[in-house]
PDB file of all heavy atoms in Angstrom:
ATOM      1  N   GLU A   1      13.877  -6.239   0.188  1.00  0.00           N
ATOM      2  CA  GLU A   1      13.544  -6.425  -1.239  1.00  0.00           C
ATOM      3  C   GLU A   1      12.547  -7.606  -1.376  1.00  0.00           C
ATOM      4  O   GLU A   1      11.584  -7.482  -2.162  1.00  0.00           O
ATOM      5  CB  GLU A   1      14.786  -6.688  -2.045  1.00  0.00           C
ATOM      6  CG  GLU A   1      15.666  -5.493  -2.231  1.00  0.00           C
ATOM      7  CD  GLU A   1      15.017  -4.316  -2.955  1.00  0.00           C
ATOM      8  OE1 GLU A   1      14.177  -4.600  -3.855  1.00  0.00           O
ATOM      9  OE2 GLU A   1      15.304  -3.162  -2.610  1.00  0.00           O
ATOM     10  N   GLU A   2      12.763  -8.670  -0.631  1.00  0.00           N
ATOM     11  CA  GLU A   2      11.872  -9.835  -0.685  1.00  0.00           C
ATOM     12  C   GLU A   2      10.492  -9.471  -0.171  1.00  0.00           C
ATOM     13  O   GLU A   2       9.473  -9.877  -0.739  1.00  0.00           O
ATOM     14  CB  GLU A   2      12.427 -11.002   0.085  1.00  0.00           C
ATOM     15  CG  GLU A   2      13.605 -11.705  -0.565  1.00  0.00           C
ATOM     16  CD  GLU A   2      13.224 -12.254  -1.954  1.00  0.00           C
ATOM     17  OE1 GLU A   2      12.171 -12.883  -2.093  1.00  0.00           O
ATOM     18  OE2 GLU A   2      14.028 -12.019  -2.910  1.00  0.00           O
ATOM     19  N   ALA A   3      10.417  -8.687   0.910  1.00  0.00           N
ATOM     20  CA  ALA A   3       9.127  -8.226   1.465  1.00  0.00           C
ATOM     21  C   ALA A   3       8.403  -7.354   0.446  1.00  0.00           C
ATOM     22  O   ALA A   3       7.160  -7.507   0.287  1.00  0.00           O
ATOM     23  CB  ALA A   3       9.360  -7.490   2.787  1.00  0.00           C
ATOM     24  N   ILE A   4       9.092  -6.490  -0.183  1.00  0.00           N
ATOM     25  CA  ILE A   4       8.472  -5.628  -1.197  1.00  0.00           C
ATOM     26  C   ILE A   4       7.939  -6.460  -2.339  1.00  0.00           C
ATOM     27  O   ILE A   4       6.817  -6.262  -2.773  1.00  0.00           O
ATOM     28  CB  ILE A   4       9.464  -4.523  -1.684  1.00  0.00           C
ATOM     29  CG1 ILE A   4       9.708  -3.513  -0.573  1.00  0.00           C
ATOM     30  CG2 ILE A   4       8.940  -3.816  -2.977  1.00  0.00           C
ATOM     31  CD1 ILE A   4      10.812  -2.484  -0.837  1.00  0.00           C
ATOM     32  N   LYS A   5       8.701  -7.406  -2.841  1.00  0.00           N
ATOM     33  CA  LYS A   5       8.262  -8.268  -3.925  1.00  0.00           C
ATOM     34  C   LYS A   5       7.028  -9.060  -3.498  1.00  0.00           C
ATOM     35  O   LYS A   5       6.108  -9.242  -4.293  1.00  0.00           O
ATOM     36  CB  LYS A   5       9.378  -9.278  -4.324  1.00  0.00           C
ATOM     37  CG  LYS A   5      10.450  -8.678  -5.144  1.00  0.00           C
ATOM     38  CD  LYS A   5      11.469  -9.708  -5.512  1.00  0.00           C
ATOM     39  CE  LYS A   5      12.703  -9.103  -6.117  1.00  0.00           C
ATOM     40  NZ  LYS A   5      13.778 -10.050  -6.311  1.00  0.00           N
ATOM     41  N   ARG A   6       7.009  -9.553  -2.238  1.00  0.00           N
ATOM     42  CA  ARG A   6       5.838 -10.326  -1.753  1.00  0.00           C
ATOM     43  C   ARG A   6       4.598  -9.449  -1.705  1.00  0.00           C
ATOM     44  O   ARG A   6       3.514  -9.896  -2.152  1.00  0.00           O
ATOM     45  CB  ARG A   6       6.203 -10.896  -0.376  1.00  0.00           C
ATOM     46  CG  ARG A   6       5.258 -11.908   0.133  1.00  0.00           C
ATOM     47  CD  ARG A   6       5.674 -12.623   1.384  1.00  0.00           C
ATOM     48  NE  ARG A   6       5.936 -11.692   2.483  1.00  0.00           N
ATOM     49  CZ  ARG A   6       7.146 -11.410   2.972  1.00  0.00           C
ATOM     50  NH1 ARG A   6       8.221 -11.949   2.479  1.00  0.00           N
ATOM     51  NH2 ARG A   6       7.275 -10.579   3.991  1.00  0.00           N
ATOM     52  N   ILE A   7       4.749  -8.234  -1.164  1.00  0.00           N
ATOM     53  CA  ILE A   7       3.597  -7.323  -1.105  1.00  0.00           C
ATOM     54  C   ILE A   7       3.124  -6.966  -2.513  1.00  0.00           C
ATOM     55  O   ILE A   7       1.917  -6.941  -2.794  1.00  0.00           O
ATOM     56  CB  ILE A   7       3.920  -6.062  -0.261  1.00  0.00           C
ATOM     57  CG1 ILE A   7       4.125  -6.489   1.169  1.00  0.00           C
ATOM     58  CG2 ILE A   7       2.832  -5.009  -0.436  1.00  0.00           C
ATOM     59  CD1 ILE A   7       4.766  -5.385   2.053  1.00  0.00           C
ATOM     60  N   MET A   8       4.023  -6.646  -3.406  1.00  0.00           N
ATOM     61  CA  MET A   8       3.677  -6.242  -4.767  1.00  0.00           C
ATOM     62  C   MET A   8       2.978  -7.389  -5.556  1.00  0.00           C
ATOM     63  O   MET A   8       2.270  -7.109  -6.485  1.00  0.00           O
ATOM     64  CB  MET A   8       4.887  -5.735  -5.518  1.00  0.00           C
ATOM     65  CG  MET A   8       5.420  -4.417  -5.034  1.00  0.00           C
ATOM     66  SD  MET A   8       4.186  -3.059  -5.161  1.00  0.00           S
ATOM     67  CE  MET A   8       3.892  -2.995  -6.930  1.00  0.00           C
ATOM     68  N   SER A   9       3.229  -8.612  -5.156  1.00  0.00           N
ATOM     69  CA  SER A   9       2.636  -9.737  -5.837  1.00  0.00           C
ATOM     70  C   SER A   9       1.186  -9.966  -5.484  1.00  0.00           C
ATOM     71  O   SER A   9       0.472 -10.714  -6.131  1.00  0.00           O
ATOM     72  CB  SER A   9       3.453 -11.032  -5.589  1.00  0.00           C
ATOM     73  OG  SER A   9       3.240 -11.453  -4.264  1.00  0.00           O
ATOM     74  N   HIS A  10       0.709  -9.307  -4.423  1.00  0.00           N
ATOM     75  CA  HIS A  10      -0.701  -9.435  -3.994  1.00  0.00           C
ATOM     76  C   HIS A  10      -1.613  -8.841  -5.054  1.00  0.00           C
ATOM     77  O   HIS A  10      -1.349  -7.739  -5.607  1.00  0.00           O
ATOM     78  CB  HIS A  10      -0.971  -8.781  -2.650  1.00  0.00           C
ATOM     79  CG  HIS A  10      -0.393  -9.539  -1.521  1.00  0.00           C
ATOM     80  ND1 HIS A  10      -0.983 -10.644  -0.945  1.00  0.00           N
ATOM     81  CD2 HIS A  10       0.749  -9.366  -0.807  1.00  0.00           C
ATOM     82  CE1 HIS A  10      -0.242 -11.083   0.055  1.00  0.00           C
ATOM     83  NE2 HIS A  10       0.841 -10.339   0.133  1.00  0.00           N
ATOM     84  N   LYS A  11      -2.725  -9.428  -5.285  1.00  0.00           N
ATOM     85  CA  LYS A  11      -3.691  -8.981  -6.285  1.00  0.00           C
ATOM     86  C   LYS A  11      -4.175  -7.583  -5.931  1.00  0.00           C
ATOM     87  O   LYS A  11      -4.538  -7.321  -4.754  1.00  0.00           O
ATOM     88  CB  LYS A  11      -4.896  -9.962  -6.345  1.00  0.00           C
ATOM     89  CG  LYS A  11      -5.919  -9.592  -7.360  1.00  0.00           C
ATOM     90  CD  LYS A  11      -7.098 -10.559  -7.319  1.00  0.00           C
ATOM     91  CE  LYS A  11      -8.118 -10.109  -8.328  1.00  0.00           C
ATOM     92  NZ  LYS A  11      -9.308 -10.973  -8.254  1.00  0.00           N
ATOM     93  N   GLY A  12      -4.178  -6.653  -6.887  1.00  0.00           N
ATOM     94  CA  GLY A  12      -4.702  -5.337  -6.662  1.00  0.00           C
ATOM     95  C   GLY A  12      -3.693  -4.340  -6.205  1.00  0.00           C
ATOM     96  O   GLY A  12      -4.006  -3.119  -6.220  1.00  0.00           O
ATOM     97  N   VAL A  13      -2.517  -4.721  -5.791  1.00  0.00           N
ATOM     98  CA  VAL A  13      -1.531  -3.735  -5.319  1.00  0.00           C
ATOM     99  C   VAL A  13      -0.997  -2.946  -6.480  1.00  0.00           C
ATOM    100  O   VAL A  13      -0.528  -3.512  -7.479  1.00  0.00           O
ATOM    101  CB  VAL A  13      -0.348  -4.414  -4.543  1.00  0.00           C
ATOM    102  CG1 VAL A  13       0.717  -3.445  -4.179  1.00  0.00           C
ATOM    103  CG2 VAL A  13      -0.877  -5.074  -3.255  1.00  0.00           C
ATOM    104  N   VAL A  14      -1.061  -1.612  -6.354  1.00  0.00           N
ATOM    105  CA  VAL A  14      -0.664  -0.706  -7.419  1.00  0.00           C
ATOM    106  C   VAL A  14       0.760  -0.221  -7.161  1.00  0.00           C
ATOM    107  O   VAL A  14       1.558  -0.026  -8.088  1.00  0.00           O
ATOM    108  CB  VAL A  14      -1.635   0.515  -7.504  1.00  0.00           C
ATOM    109  CG1 VAL A  14      -1.180   1.530  -8.525  1.00  0.00           C
ATOM    110  CG2 VAL A  14      -3.063   0.030  -7.819  1.00  0.00           C
ATOM    111  N   GLY A  15       1.105   0.050  -5.924  1.00  0.00           N
ATOM    112  CA  GLY A  15       2.409   0.580  -5.632  1.00  0.00           C
ATOM    113  C   GLY A  15       2.757   0.500  -4.159  1.00  0.00           C
ATOM    114  O   GLY A  15       1.851   0.317  -3.298  1.00  0.00           O
ATOM    115  N   LEU A  16       3.991   0.660  -3.834  1.00  0.00           N
ATOM    116  CA  LEU A  16       4.482   0.601  -2.480  1.00  0.00           C
ATOM    117  C   LEU A  16       5.561   1.683  -2.311  1.00  0.00           C
ATOM    118  O   LEU A  16       6.408   1.847  -3.178  1.00  0.00           O
ATOM    119  CB  LEU A  16       5.064  -0.739  -2.158  1.00  0.00           C
ATOM    120  CG  LEU A  16       5.602  -1.007  -0.766  1.00  0.00           C
ATOM    121  CD1 LEU A  16       5.348  -2.406  -0.371  1.00  0.00           C
ATOM    122  CD2 LEU A  16       7.089  -0.697  -0.671  1.00  0.00           C
ATOM    123  N   ILE A  17       5.501   2.429  -1.208  1.00  0.00           N
ATOM    124  CA  ILE A  17       6.483   3.440  -0.903  1.00  0.00           C
ATOM    125  C   ILE A  17       6.974   3.254   0.535  1.00  0.00           C
ATOM    126  O   ILE A  17       6.161   3.063   1.421  1.00  0.00           O
ATOM    127  CB  ILE A  17       5.911   4.861  -1.007  1.00  0.00           C
ATOM    128  CG1 ILE A  17       5.207   5.052  -2.351  1.00  0.00           C
ATOM    129  CG2 ILE A  17       6.971   5.929  -0.816  1.00  0.00           C
ATOM    130  CD1 ILE A  17       4.202   6.232  -2.413  1.00  0.00           C
ATOM    131  N   VAL A  18       8.248   3.321   0.713  1.00  0.00           N
ATOM    132  CA  VAL A  18       8.841   3.312   2.059  1.00  0.00           C
ATOM    133  C   VAL A  18       9.396   4.743   2.283  1.00  0.00           C
ATOM    134  O   VAL A  18      10.140   5.226   1.447  1.00  0.00           O
ATOM    135  CB  VAL A  18       9.933   2.282   2.256  1.00  0.00           C
ATOM    136  CG1 VAL A  18      10.594   2.354   3.653  1.00  0.00           C
ATOM    137  CG2 VAL A  18       9.428   0.865   1.964  1.00  0.00           C
ATOM    138  N   ILE A  19       8.996   5.384   3.375  1.00  0.00           N
ATOM    139  CA  ILE A  19       9.458   6.723   3.672  1.00  0.00           C
ATOM    140  C   ILE A  19      10.214   6.721   4.999  1.00  0.00           C
ATOM    141  O   ILE A  19       9.946   5.893   5.892  1.00  0.00           O
ATOM    142  CB  ILE A  19       8.293   7.750   3.744  1.00  0.00           C
ATOM    143  CG1 ILE A  19       7.244   7.401   4.755  1.00  0.00           C
ATOM    144  CG2 ILE A  19       7.609   7.849   2.347  1.00  0.00           C
ATOM    145  CD1 ILE A  19       6.143   8.450   4.964  1.00  0.00           C
ATOM    146  N   ASN A  20      11.126   7.665   5.142  1.00  0.00           N
ATOM    147  CA  ASN A  20      11.842   7.807   6.398  1.00  0.00           C
ATOM    148  C   ASN A  20      11.045   8.662   7.387  1.00  0.00           C
ATOM    149  O   ASN A  20       9.915   9.095   7.032  1.00  0.00           O
ATOM    150  CB  ASN A  20      13.266   8.345   6.201  1.00  0.00           C
ATOM    151  CG  ASN A  20      13.273   9.796   5.729  1.00  0.00           C
ATOM    152  OD1 ASN A  20      12.277  10.500   5.757  1.00  0.00           O
ATOM    153  ND2 ASN A  20      14.451  10.244   5.310  1.00  0.00           N
ATOM    154  N   HIS A  21      11.558   8.864   8.567  1.00  0.00           N
ATOM    155  CA  HIS A  21      10.786   9.585   9.604  1.00  0.00           C
ATOM    156  C   HIS A  21      10.540  11.071   9.251  1.00  0.00           C
ATOM    157  O   HIS A  21       9.704  11.740   9.861  1.00  0.00           O
ATOM    158  CB  HIS A  21      11.502   9.479  10.959  1.00  0.00           C
ATOM    159  CG  HIS A  21      12.816  10.215  11.024  1.00  0.00           C
ATOM    160  ND1 HIS A  21      13.967   9.694  10.517  1.00  0.00           N
ATOM    161  CD2 HIS A  21      13.089  11.408  11.532  1.00  0.00           C
ATOM    162  CE1 HIS A  21      14.917  10.575  10.673  1.00  0.00           C
ATOM    163  NE2 HIS A  21      14.481  11.607  11.334  1.00  0.00           N
ATOM    164  N   GLU A  22      11.254  11.537   8.232  1.00  0.00           N
ATOM    165  CA  GLU A  22      11.021  12.955   7.757  1.00  0.00           C
ATOM    166  C   GLU A  22      10.015  13.005   6.632  1.00  0.00           C
ATOM    167  O   GLU A  22       9.716  14.074   6.112  1.00  0.00           O
ATOM    168  CB  GLU A  22      12.364  13.562   7.327  1.00  0.00           C
ATOM    169  CG  GLU A  22      13.375  13.704   8.461  1.00  0.00           C
ATOM    170  CD  GLU A  22      14.741  14.145   7.898  1.00  0.00           C
ATOM    171  OE1 GLU A  22      15.114  13.815   6.769  1.00  0.00           O
ATOM    172  OE2 GLU A  22      15.419  14.783   8.682  1.00  0.00           O
ATOM    173  N   GLY A  23       9.515  11.865   6.204  1.00  0.00           N
ATOM    174  CA  GLY A  23       8.531  11.804   5.121  1.00  0.00           C
ATOM    175  C   GLY A  23       9.126  11.813   3.755  1.00  0.00           C
ATOM    176  O   GLY A  23       8.461  12.088   2.752  1.00  0.00           O
ATOM    177  N   ILE A  24      10.387  11.447   3.640  1.00  0.00           N
ATOM    178  CA  ILE A  24      11.073  11.404   2.337  1.00  0.00           C
ATOM    179  C   ILE A  24      11.084   9.969   1.834  1.00  0.00           C
ATOM    180  O   ILE A  24      11.490   9.014   2.531  1.00  0.00           O
ATOM    181  CB  ILE A  24      12.497  11.916   2.466  1.00  0.00           C
ATOM    182  CG1 ILE A  24      12.497  13.396   2.966  1.00  0.00           C
ATOM    183  CG2 ILE A  24      13.308  11.756   1.175  1.00  0.00           C
ATOM    184  CD1 ILE A  24      13.812  13.945   3.404  1.00  0.00           C
ATOM    185  N   PRO A  25      10.627   9.770   0.582  1.00  0.00           N
ATOM    186  CA  PRO A  25      10.596   8.394   0.039  1.00  0.00           C
ATOM    187  C   PRO A  25      12.031   7.893  -0.143  1.00  0.00           C
ATOM    188  O   PRO A  25      12.892   8.550  -0.687  1.00  0.00           O
ATOM    189  CB  PRO A  25       9.956   8.604  -1.368  1.00  0.00           C
ATOM    190  CG  PRO A  25       9.295   9.909  -1.344  1.00  0.00           C
ATOM    191  CD  PRO A  25      10.050  10.728  -0.343  1.00  0.00           C
ATOM    192  N   ILE A  26      12.289   6.698   0.371  1.00  0.00           N
ATOM    193  CA  ILE A  26      13.581   6.075   0.223  1.00  0.00           C
ATOM    194  C   ILE A  26      13.563   4.858  -0.636  1.00  0.00           C
ATOM    195  O   ILE A  26      14.594   4.371  -1.100  1.00  0.00           O
ATOM    196  CB  ILE A  26      14.255   5.774   1.610  1.00  0.00           C
ATOM    197  CG1 ILE A  26      13.349   4.894   2.437  1.00  0.00           C
ATOM    198  CG2 ILE A  26      14.620   7.064   2.351  1.00  0.00           C
ATOM    199  CD1 ILE A  26      13.980   4.400   3.734  1.00  0.00           C
ATOM    200  N   LYS A  27      12.323   4.340  -0.859  1.00  0.00           N
ATOM    201  CA  LYS A  27      12.182   3.182  -1.754  1.00  0.00           C
ATOM    202  C   LYS A  27      10.720   3.238  -2.300  1.00  0.00           C
ATOM    203  O   LYS A  27       9.827   3.538  -1.555  1.00  0.00           O
ATOM    204  CB  LYS A  27      12.331   1.881  -0.918  1.00  0.00           C
ATOM    205  CG  LYS A  27      12.478   0.694  -1.754  1.00  0.00           C
ATOM    206  CD  LYS A  27      13.882   0.198  -1.499  1.00  0.00           C
ATOM    207  CE  LYS A  27      14.279  -0.941  -2.365  1.00  0.00           C
ATOM    208  NZ  LYS A  27      15.440  -0.714  -3.127  1.00  0.00           N
ATOM    209  N   SER A  28      10.603   3.020  -3.584  1.00  0.00           N
ATOM    210  CA  SER A  28       9.270   3.123  -4.166  1.00  0.00           C
ATOM    211  C   SER A  28       9.167   2.355  -5.470  1.00  0.00           C
ATOM    212  O   SER A  28      10.134   2.264  -6.201  1.00  0.00           O
ATOM    213  CB  SER A  28       8.923   4.608  -4.438  1.00  0.00           C
ATOM    214  OG  SER A  28       7.598   4.700  -4.985  1.00  0.00           O
TER     215      SER A  28
END
């Protein structure tokens, strides 16, 4: 959660998705 917040705080970041090895979004 902290890593996602840190990445999302960067200028210009619109979105972030974490997917599992099957290509299914598990966090977005």
